[in-house]
Amino acid sequence: MRSLVPLVPPLAALAGCGGASAEVEGTAGGINFGSTDYVYWGARYVVISMVEVECTGVDWVERNYDEGVAPTTIDTSVLQFTFSGDELVEGKSSIQQGGQAQATIVNVTGGVFQESNASGGTVTIDSFDEGGLATGSFETVSFEDGTLSGSFTAEWCRNLKP
């Protein structure tokens, strides 16, 4: 008797998260953060998503967003780090609008867009490898309604562009 090999890969293989993870402590921007496996980096961005999303689903990420205009029609809840140049910078960077790095919470629910920008804190990139993983942490990232700290291992995503 011949055994049947499944033609559909296991769900874990479809997730596309080859070692990606983040642990985020705190609540800000109306989002209760925590653990996630949906963490991507590319160009100047690190994106930590609290909802399931593939790399192809973060192509809307930009440095700045138009006020009141949702950047995507998909419900999303992300913490986004953006560096001032065209790529990540190893080491510790201060977070501030127009500074070395900025942190933004993007929350889209039912087409309603809410954006929160951090006023302070730091993000540290320990290492990154084009086409591979980026590791780092962030401390005391202050928003109007909360503070976030944590660490991440992000999977490279070609859909994140400068």
N, C-alpha and C. Protein backbone atom coordinates (compact mmCIF):
# COMPACT_ATOMS: atom_id res chain seq x y z
N MET A 1 0.84 -1.18 0.00
CA MET A 1 0.00 0.00 0.00
C MET A 1 0.88 1.23 0.00
N ARG A 2 0.58 2.18 -0.85
CA ARG A 2 1.35 3.40 -0.99
C ARG A 2 0.87 4.46 0.01
N SER A 3 1.81 5.12 0.69
CA SER A 3 1.39 6.17 1.62
C SER A 3 1.18 7.47 0.86
N LEU A 4 0.24 8.23 1.33
CA LEU A 4 -0.07 9.51 0.69
C LEU A 4 0.73 10.60 1.38
N VAL A 5 1.47 11.37 0.61
CA VAL A 5 2.24 12.49 1.13
C VAL A 5 1.37 13.73 0.98
N PRO A 6 1.20 14.49 2.03
CA PRO A 6 0.35 15.67 1.91
C PRO A 6 0.91 16.64 0.86
N LEU A 7 0.04 17.16 0.03
CA LEU A 7 0.43 18.13 -0.99
C LEU A 7 0.45 19.54 -0.43
N VAL A 8 -0.21 19.75 0.69
CA VAL A 8 -0.27 21.07 1.30
C VAL A 8 0.72 21.09 2.45
N PRO A 9 1.64 22.08 2.48
CA PRO A 9 2.60 22.14 3.57
C PRO A 9 1.91 22.46 4.90
N PRO A 10 2.54 22.09 6.01
CA PRO A 10 1.96 22.40 7.31
C PRO A 10 1.79 23.91 7.48
N LEU A 11 0.83 24.31 8.29
CA LEU A 11 0.58 25.73 8.52
C LEU A 11 1.81 26.46 9.01
N ALA A 12 2.62 25.84 9.83
CA ALA A 12 3.83 26.49 10.33
C ALA A 12 4.74 26.90 9.19
N ALA A 13 4.80 26.10 8.14
CA ALA A 13 5.66 26.43 7.00
C ALA A 13 5.10 27.61 6.22
N LEU A 14 3.79 27.79 6.25
CA LEU A 14 3.18 28.90 5.53
C LEU A 14 3.35 30.22 6.26
N ALA A 15 3.59 30.18 7.55
CA ALA A 15 3.67 31.41 8.34
C ALA A 15 4.80 32.31 7.89
N GLY A 16 5.88 31.75 7.35
CA GLY A 16 6.96 32.58 6.84
C GLY A 16 7.80 33.22 7.92
N CYS A 17 7.71 32.75 9.11
CA CYS A 17 8.42 33.37 10.22
C CYS A 17 9.58 32.48 10.63
N GLY A 18 10.66 32.49 9.87
CA GLY A 18 11.81 31.65 10.13
C GLY A 18 12.62 32.13 11.30
N GLY A 19 12.13 31.96 12.51
CA GLY A 19 12.85 32.38 13.70
C GLY A 19 12.48 33.76 14.19
N ALA A 20 11.54 34.42 13.55
CA ALA A 20 11.13 35.75 13.96
C ALA A 20 10.30 35.68 15.23
N SER A 21 10.53 36.63 16.14
CA SER A 21 9.72 36.73 17.35
C SER A 21 10.00 38.07 18.03
N ALA A 22 9.06 38.47 18.85
CA ALA A 22 9.24 39.68 19.65
C ALA A 22 8.51 39.51 20.96
N GLU A 23 9.07 40.09 21.98
CA GLU A 23 8.45 40.18 23.31
C GLU A 23 8.35 41.66 23.61
N VAL A 24 7.12 42.15 23.68
CA VAL A 24 6.89 43.58 23.93
C VAL A 24 6.12 43.72 25.23
N GLU A 25 6.64 44.54 26.12
CA GLU A 25 5.99 44.80 27.40
C GLU A 25 5.35 46.17 27.35
N GLY A 26 4.06 46.23 27.70
CA GLY A 26 3.38 47.51 27.81
C GLY A 26 2.18 47.63 26.91
N THR A 27 1.48 48.75 27.10
CA THR A 27 0.31 49.10 26.32
C THR A 27 0.49 50.54 25.85
N ALA A 28 0.20 50.78 24.58
CA ALA A 28 0.28 52.14 24.03
C ALA A 28 -0.50 52.17 22.72
N GLY A 29 -0.98 53.33 22.35
CA GLY A 29 -1.70 53.48 21.09
C GLY A 29 -2.96 52.64 21.02
N GLY A 30 -3.52 52.30 22.18
CA GLY A 30 -4.72 51.48 22.22
C GLY A 30 -4.47 50.00 21.99
N ILE A 31 -3.20 49.58 21.99
CA ILE A 31 -2.85 48.18 21.73
C ILE A 31 -2.19 47.59 22.97
N ASN A 32 -2.67 46.42 23.38
CA ASN A 32 -2.04 45.68 24.45
C ASN A 32 -1.02 44.76 23.81
N PHE A 33 0.24 45.10 23.90
CA PHE A 33 1.29 44.33 23.26
C PHE A 33 1.61 43.08 24.05
N GLY A 34 2.49 42.24 23.51
CA GLY A 34 2.88 40.99 24.15
C GLY A 34 3.84 40.25 23.25
N SER A 35 3.63 38.95 23.07
CA SER A 35 4.49 38.10 22.23
C SER A 35 3.90 37.98 20.84
N THR A 36 4.78 37.92 19.83
CA THR A 36 4.35 37.73 18.45
C THR A 36 5.45 37.08 17.64
N ASP A 37 5.07 36.40 16.58
CA ASP A 37 6.02 35.81 15.64
C ASP A 37 6.03 36.56 14.31
N TYR A 38 5.32 37.67 14.23
CA TYR A 38 5.21 38.43 12.98
C TYR A 38 6.05 39.69 13.08
N VAL A 39 7.36 39.50 12.83
CA VAL A 39 8.34 40.57 13.00
C VAL A 39 9.22 40.60 11.75
N TYR A 40 9.27 41.76 11.10
CA TYR A 40 10.00 41.88 9.83
C TYR A 40 10.92 43.09 9.86
N TRP A 41 11.96 43.00 9.05
CA TRP A 41 12.83 44.16 8.85
C TRP A 41 13.19 44.23 7.38
N GLY A 42 13.48 45.43 6.92
CA GLY A 42 13.93 45.66 5.56
C GLY A 42 14.19 47.14 5.40
N ALA A 43 15.16 47.47 4.57
CA ALA A 43 15.55 48.86 4.36
C ALA A 43 15.75 49.53 5.72
N ARG A 44 15.00 50.55 6.03
CA ARG A 44 15.15 51.32 7.27
C ARG A 44 14.16 50.94 8.36
N TYR A 45 13.41 49.86 8.19
CA TYR A 45 12.29 49.54 9.08
C TYR A 45 12.46 48.24 9.87
N VAL A 46 11.89 48.25 11.08
CA VAL A 46 11.60 47.05 11.85
C VAL A 46 10.11 47.16 12.17
N VAL A 47 9.34 46.12 11.83
CA VAL A 47 7.89 46.13 12.04
C VAL A 47 7.52 44.94 12.92
N ILE A 48 6.89 45.25 14.05
CA ILE A 48 6.41 44.22 14.99
C ILE A 48 4.89 44.24 14.93
N SER A 49 4.32 43.19 14.39
CA SER A 49 2.87 43.13 14.20
C SER A 49 2.22 42.27 15.27
N MET A 50 1.14 42.77 15.84
CA MET A 50 0.40 42.00 16.85
C MET A 50 -0.72 41.20 16.21
N VAL A 51 -0.85 41.28 14.89
CA VAL A 51 -1.82 40.45 14.16
C VAL A 51 -1.06 39.65 13.11
N GLU A 52 -1.60 38.51 12.75
CA GLU A 52 -0.96 37.64 11.75
C GLU A 52 -0.84 38.38 10.42
N VAL A 53 0.38 38.41 9.89
CA VAL A 53 0.63 39.06 8.60
C VAL A 53 1.87 38.44 7.97
N GLU A 54 1.82 38.25 6.67
CA GLU A 54 2.97 37.76 5.91
C GLU A 54 3.82 38.95 5.48
N CYS A 55 5.02 38.70 5.04
CA CYS A 55 5.90 39.75 4.51
C CYS A 55 5.21 40.53 3.39
N THR A 56 4.48 39.83 2.54
CA THR A 56 3.79 40.50 1.44
C THR A 56 2.71 41.46 1.92
N GLY A 57 2.29 41.32 3.17
CA GLY A 57 1.23 42.16 3.71
C GLY A 57 1.69 43.41 4.42
N VAL A 58 3.01 43.71 4.39
CA VAL A 58 3.51 44.93 5.03
C VAL A 58 4.10 45.90 4.01
N ASP A 59 3.72 45.75 2.75
CA ASP A 59 4.25 46.62 1.69
C ASP A 59 3.74 48.05 1.78
N TRP A 60 2.81 48.34 2.65
CA TRP A 60 2.25 49.68 2.83
C TRP A 60 3.09 50.54 3.78
N VAL A 61 4.05 49.95 4.48
CA VAL A 61 4.83 50.67 5.49
C VAL A 61 5.62 51.81 4.85
N GLU A 62 5.52 52.99 5.47
CA GLU A 62 6.23 54.19 5.02
C GLU A 62 6.82 54.91 6.22
N ARG A 63 7.69 55.86 5.94
CA ARG A 63 8.29 56.66 7.01
C ARG A 63 7.23 57.52 7.71
N ASN A 64 6.39 58.15 6.93
CA ASN A 64 5.35 59.04 7.46
C ASN A 64 4.02 58.69 6.82
N TYR A 65 2.94 58.97 7.53
CA TYR A 65 1.59 58.67 7.05
C TYR A 65 0.77 59.95 6.97
N ASP A 66 -0.18 59.97 6.04
CA ASP A 66 -1.09 61.10 5.92
C ASP A 66 -2.11 61.02 7.04
N GLU A 67 -2.28 62.11 7.76
CA GLU A 67 -3.20 62.14 8.88
C GLU A 67 -4.61 61.76 8.45
N GLY A 68 -5.18 60.79 9.15
CA GLY A 68 -6.55 60.38 8.89
C GLY A 68 -6.74 59.46 7.70
N VAL A 69 -5.66 59.16 6.94
CA VAL A 69 -5.77 58.29 5.77
C VAL A 69 -5.11 56.95 6.10
N ALA A 70 -5.91 55.90 6.18
CA ALA A 70 -5.40 54.57 6.52
C ALA A 70 -4.42 54.11 5.44
N PRO A 71 -3.22 53.65 5.84
CA PRO A 71 -2.23 53.20 4.85
C PRO A 71 -2.56 51.83 4.26
N THR A 72 -3.52 51.12 4.84
CA THR A 72 -3.93 49.80 4.38
C THR A 72 -5.40 49.60 4.69
N THR A 73 -6.06 48.73 3.93
CA THR A 73 -7.46 48.42 4.19
C THR A 73 -7.58 47.22 5.14
N ILE A 74 -6.47 46.56 5.41
CA ILE A 74 -6.44 45.39 6.29
C ILE A 74 -6.33 45.85 7.75
N ASP A 75 -7.09 45.25 8.65
CA ASP A 75 -6.94 45.55 10.07
C ASP A 75 -5.53 45.20 10.50
N THR A 76 -4.87 46.11 11.18
CA THR A 76 -3.48 45.88 11.58
C THR A 76 -3.17 46.61 12.88
N SER A 77 -2.23 46.09 13.62
CA SER A 77 -1.75 46.69 14.86
C SER A 77 -0.24 46.46 14.92
N VAL A 78 0.54 47.49 14.60
CA VAL A 78 1.99 47.31 14.55
C VAL A 78 2.73 48.39 15.32
N LEU A 79 3.90 48.00 15.79
CA LEU A 79 4.89 48.92 16.31
C LEU A 79 5.97 48.97 15.24
N GLN A 80 6.25 50.16 14.75
CA GLN A 80 7.18 50.33 13.64
C GLN A 80 8.34 51.22 14.08
N PHE A 81 9.56 50.74 13.86
CA PHE A 81 10.76 51.55 14.07
C PHE A 81 11.28 51.95 12.70
N THR A 82 11.58 53.23 12.53
CA THR A 82 12.07 53.76 11.27
C THR A 82 13.36 54.52 11.53
N PHE A 83 14.42 54.18 10.78
CA PHE A 83 15.70 54.86 10.94
C PHE A 83 15.82 55.98 9.91
N SER A 84 16.61 57.00 10.22
CA SER A 84 16.66 58.20 9.39
C SER A 84 17.31 57.99 8.02
N GLY A 85 18.22 57.04 7.89
CA GLY A 85 18.84 56.76 6.60
C GLY A 85 18.02 55.77 5.80
N ASP A 86 18.66 55.12 4.84
CA ASP A 86 17.97 54.14 4.01
C ASP A 86 18.08 52.71 4.54
N GLU A 87 18.79 52.51 5.66
CA GLU A 87 18.94 51.17 6.22
C GLU A 87 19.08 51.23 7.73
N LEU A 88 18.97 50.05 8.36
CA LEU A 88 19.15 49.97 9.80
C LEU A 88 20.55 50.40 10.18
N VAL A 89 20.70 50.82 11.42
CA VAL A 89 22.01 51.22 11.94
C VAL A 89 22.28 50.39 13.18
N GLU A 90 23.41 49.64 13.18
CA GLU A 90 23.77 48.86 14.36
C GLU A 90 24.11 49.80 15.51
N GLY A 91 23.81 49.35 16.71
CA GLY A 91 24.07 50.13 17.91
C GLY A 91 22.80 50.78 18.44
N LYS A 92 22.97 51.62 19.45
CA LYS A 92 21.84 52.27 20.12
C LYS A 92 21.53 53.59 19.45
N SER A 93 20.24 53.81 19.17
CA SER A 93 19.77 55.06 18.56
C SER A 93 18.68 55.65 19.43
N SER A 94 18.72 56.97 19.58
CA SER A 94 17.65 57.63 20.33
C SER A 94 16.42 57.78 19.45
N ILE A 95 15.27 57.73 20.08
CA ILE A 95 14.00 57.84 19.36
C ILE A 95 13.42 59.22 19.57
N GLN A 96 13.17 59.90 18.48
CA GLN A 96 12.50 61.20 18.50
C GLN A 96 12.10 61.56 17.08
N GLN A 97 11.05 62.35 16.93
CA GLN A 97 10.63 62.77 15.59
C GLN A 97 11.78 63.53 14.94
N GLY A 98 12.15 63.13 13.73
CA GLY A 98 13.23 63.79 13.00
C GLY A 98 14.61 63.42 13.50
N GLY A 99 14.72 62.44 14.42
CA GLY A 99 16.00 62.05 14.99
C GLY A 99 16.59 60.84 14.29
N GLN A 100 17.53 60.15 14.97
CA GLN A 100 18.17 58.96 14.44
C GLN A 100 17.17 57.88 14.09
N ALA A 101 16.16 57.74 14.94
CA ALA A 101 15.12 56.73 14.74
C ALA A 101 13.81 57.28 15.28
N GLN A 102 12.73 56.77 14.75
CA GLN A 102 11.43 57.11 15.31
C GLN A 102 10.64 55.83 15.50
N ALA A 103 9.69 55.88 16.42
CA ALA A 103 8.82 54.74 16.68
C ALA A 103 7.38 55.21 16.49
N THR A 104 6.62 54.39 15.79
CA THR A 104 5.24 54.72 15.47
C THR A 104 4.36 53.51 15.70
N ILE A 105 3.20 53.73 16.29
CA ILE A 105 2.20 52.68 16.39
C ILE A 105 1.16 52.96 15.31
N VAL A 106 0.92 51.97 14.48
CA VAL A 106 -0.08 52.07 13.42
C VAL A 106 -1.19 51.07 13.77
N ASN A 107 -2.40 51.61 13.95
CA ASN A 107 -3.54 50.78 14.31
C ASN A 107 -4.68 51.08 13.34
N VAL A 108 -5.07 50.09 12.55
CA VAL A 108 -6.19 50.23 11.62
C VAL A 108 -7.22 49.18 12.00
N THR A 109 -8.42 49.64 12.36
CA THR A 109 -9.51 48.74 12.73
C THR A 109 -10.77 49.18 11.99
N GLY A 110 -11.29 48.31 11.14
CA GLY A 110 -12.50 48.63 10.38
C GLY A 110 -12.36 49.87 9.54
N GLY A 111 -11.17 50.11 9.00
CA GLY A 111 -10.91 51.26 8.16
C GLY A 111 -10.56 52.53 8.91
N VAL A 112 -10.67 52.50 10.25
CA VAL A 112 -10.33 53.67 11.07
C VAL A 112 -8.85 53.59 11.43
N PHE A 113 -8.11 54.64 11.10
CA PHE A 113 -6.66 54.69 11.27
C PHE A 113 -6.30 55.55 12.47
N GLN A 114 -5.48 54.99 13.36
CA GLN A 114 -4.92 55.74 14.48
C GLN A 114 -3.42 55.57 14.46
N GLU A 115 -2.72 56.69 14.57
CA GLU A 115 -1.26 56.70 14.58
C GLU A 115 -0.79 57.37 15.86
N SER A 116 0.20 56.76 16.50
CA SER A 116 0.81 57.33 17.70
C SER A 116 2.31 57.37 17.48
N ASN A 117 2.92 58.51 17.71
CA ASN A 117 4.36 58.66 17.54
C ASN A 117 5.03 58.79 18.90
N ALA A 118 6.15 58.10 19.06
CA ALA A 118 6.89 58.13 20.33
C ALA A 118 7.61 59.45 20.49
N SER A 119 7.73 59.87 21.75
CA SER A 119 8.44 61.11 22.06
C SER A 119 9.82 60.85 22.64
N GLY A 120 10.16 59.60 22.92
CA GLY A 120 11.47 59.30 23.48
C GLY A 120 11.70 57.81 23.62
N GLY A 121 12.91 57.48 24.06
CA GLY A 121 13.31 56.09 24.25
C GLY A 121 14.51 55.77 23.39
N THR A 122 14.87 54.49 23.36
CA THR A 122 15.99 54.05 22.52
C THR A 122 15.64 52.74 21.84
N VAL A 123 16.26 52.52 20.69
CA VAL A 123 16.18 51.23 20.00
C VAL A 123 17.62 50.83 19.69
N THR A 124 17.94 49.57 19.95
CA THR A 124 19.28 49.06 19.72
C THR A 124 19.22 47.93 18.70
N ILE A 125 20.00 48.04 17.64
CA ILE A 125 20.15 46.96 16.66
C ILE A 125 21.46 46.26 16.99
N ASP A 126 21.35 45.01 17.43
CA ASP A 126 22.54 44.23 17.77
C ASP A 126 23.24 43.74 16.52
N SER A 127 22.45 43.25 15.55
CA SER A 127 23.02 42.78 14.29
C SER A 127 21.92 42.66 13.26
N PHE A 128 22.32 42.72 11.99
CA PHE A 128 21.40 42.43 10.90
C PHE A 128 22.19 41.92 9.72
N ASP A 129 21.54 41.04 8.98
CA ASP A 129 22.16 40.39 7.84
C ASP A 129 21.18 40.45 6.68
N GLU A 130 21.53 41.19 5.63
CA GLU A 130 20.66 41.32 4.45
C GLU A 130 20.20 39.94 4.00
N GLY A 131 18.91 39.76 3.92
CA GLY A 131 18.35 38.47 3.54
C GLY A 131 18.22 37.52 4.71
N GLY A 132 18.65 37.94 5.90
CA GLY A 132 18.59 37.09 7.09
C GLY A 132 17.83 37.74 8.21
N LEU A 133 18.34 37.60 9.41
CA LEU A 133 17.66 38.10 10.60
C LEU A 133 18.30 39.38 11.12
N ALA A 134 17.50 40.18 11.82
CA ALA A 134 17.98 41.35 12.56
C ALA A 134 17.55 41.14 14.01
N THR A 135 18.47 41.42 14.94
CA THR A 135 18.14 41.29 16.36
C THR A 135 18.33 42.62 17.05
N GLY A 136 17.54 42.84 18.08
CA GLY A 136 17.68 44.09 18.81
C GLY A 136 16.72 44.18 19.98
N SER A 137 16.69 45.38 20.56
CA SER A 137 15.83 45.64 21.71
C SER A 137 15.45 47.12 21.72
N PHE A 138 14.50 47.45 22.57
CA PHE A 138 14.10 48.84 22.72
C PHE A 138 13.71 49.06 24.17
N GLU A 139 13.98 50.29 24.64
CA GLU A 139 13.75 50.60 26.05
C GLU A 139 13.01 51.92 26.19
N THR A 140 12.06 51.92 27.10
CA THR A 140 11.33 53.11 27.51
C THR A 140 10.89 53.95 26.31
N VAL A 141 10.25 53.31 25.35
CA VAL A 141 9.72 54.01 24.18
C VAL A 141 8.40 54.64 24.63
N SER A 142 8.41 55.97 24.77
CA SER A 142 7.31 56.70 25.40
C SER A 142 6.32 57.25 24.38
N PHE A 143 5.06 56.90 24.57
CA PHE A 143 3.96 57.43 23.78
C PHE A 143 3.07 58.23 24.72
N GLU A 144 2.17 59.00 24.16
CA GLU A 144 1.27 59.82 24.96
C GLU A 144 0.49 58.99 25.98
N ASP A 145 0.15 57.75 25.61
CA ASP A 145 -0.69 56.93 26.48
C ASP A 145 -0.03 55.65 26.98
N GLY A 146 1.30 55.60 26.99
CA GLY A 146 1.96 54.40 27.50
C GLY A 146 3.43 54.33 27.14
N THR A 147 4.09 53.29 27.66
CA THR A 147 5.52 53.07 27.42
C THR A 147 5.73 51.61 27.05
N LEU A 148 6.60 51.38 26.06
CA LEU A 148 6.90 50.03 25.60
C LEU A 148 8.38 49.73 25.73
N SER A 149 8.70 48.49 26.06
CA SER A 149 10.07 47.98 26.08
C SER A 149 10.02 46.55 25.59
N GLY A 150 11.14 46.06 25.06
CA GLY A 150 11.15 44.67 24.62
C GLY A 150 12.35 44.32 23.77
N SER A 151 12.25 43.16 23.13
CA SER A 151 13.31 42.67 22.26
C SER A 151 12.69 41.98 21.05
N PHE A 152 13.51 41.80 20.01
CA PHE A 152 13.00 41.19 18.79
C PHE A 152 14.09 40.48 18.01
N THR A 153 13.65 39.51 17.24
CA THR A 153 14.42 38.90 16.17
C THR A 153 13.52 39.00 14.96
N ALA A 154 13.93 39.78 13.97
CA ALA A 154 13.08 40.07 12.81
C ALA A 154 13.58 39.36 11.57
N GLU A 155 12.64 38.88 10.77
CA GLU A 155 12.93 38.22 9.50
C GLU A 155 13.03 39.27 8.40
N TRP A 156 14.02 39.15 7.52
CA TRP A 156 14.18 40.09 6.43
C TRP A 156 12.98 40.00 5.48
N CYS A 157 12.51 41.17 5.02
CA CYS A 157 11.33 41.23 4.15
C CYS A 157 11.62 42.22 3.01
N ARG A 158 11.65 41.70 1.80
CA ARG A 158 11.96 42.55 0.63
C ARG A 158 10.87 43.55 0.34
N ASN A 159 9.69 43.38 0.90
CA ASN A 159 8.58 44.32 0.66
C ASN A 159 8.69 45.60 1.48
N LEU A 160 9.63 45.66 2.40
CA LEU A 160 9.89 46.90 3.15
C LEU A 160 10.96 47.66 2.39
N LYS A 161 10.56 48.78 1.82
CA LYS A 161 11.46 49.54 0.94
C LYS A 161 11.66 50.95 1.47
N PRO A 162 12.82 51.55 1.15
CA PRO A 162 13.11 52.90 1.64
C PRO A 162 12.07 53.90 1.20
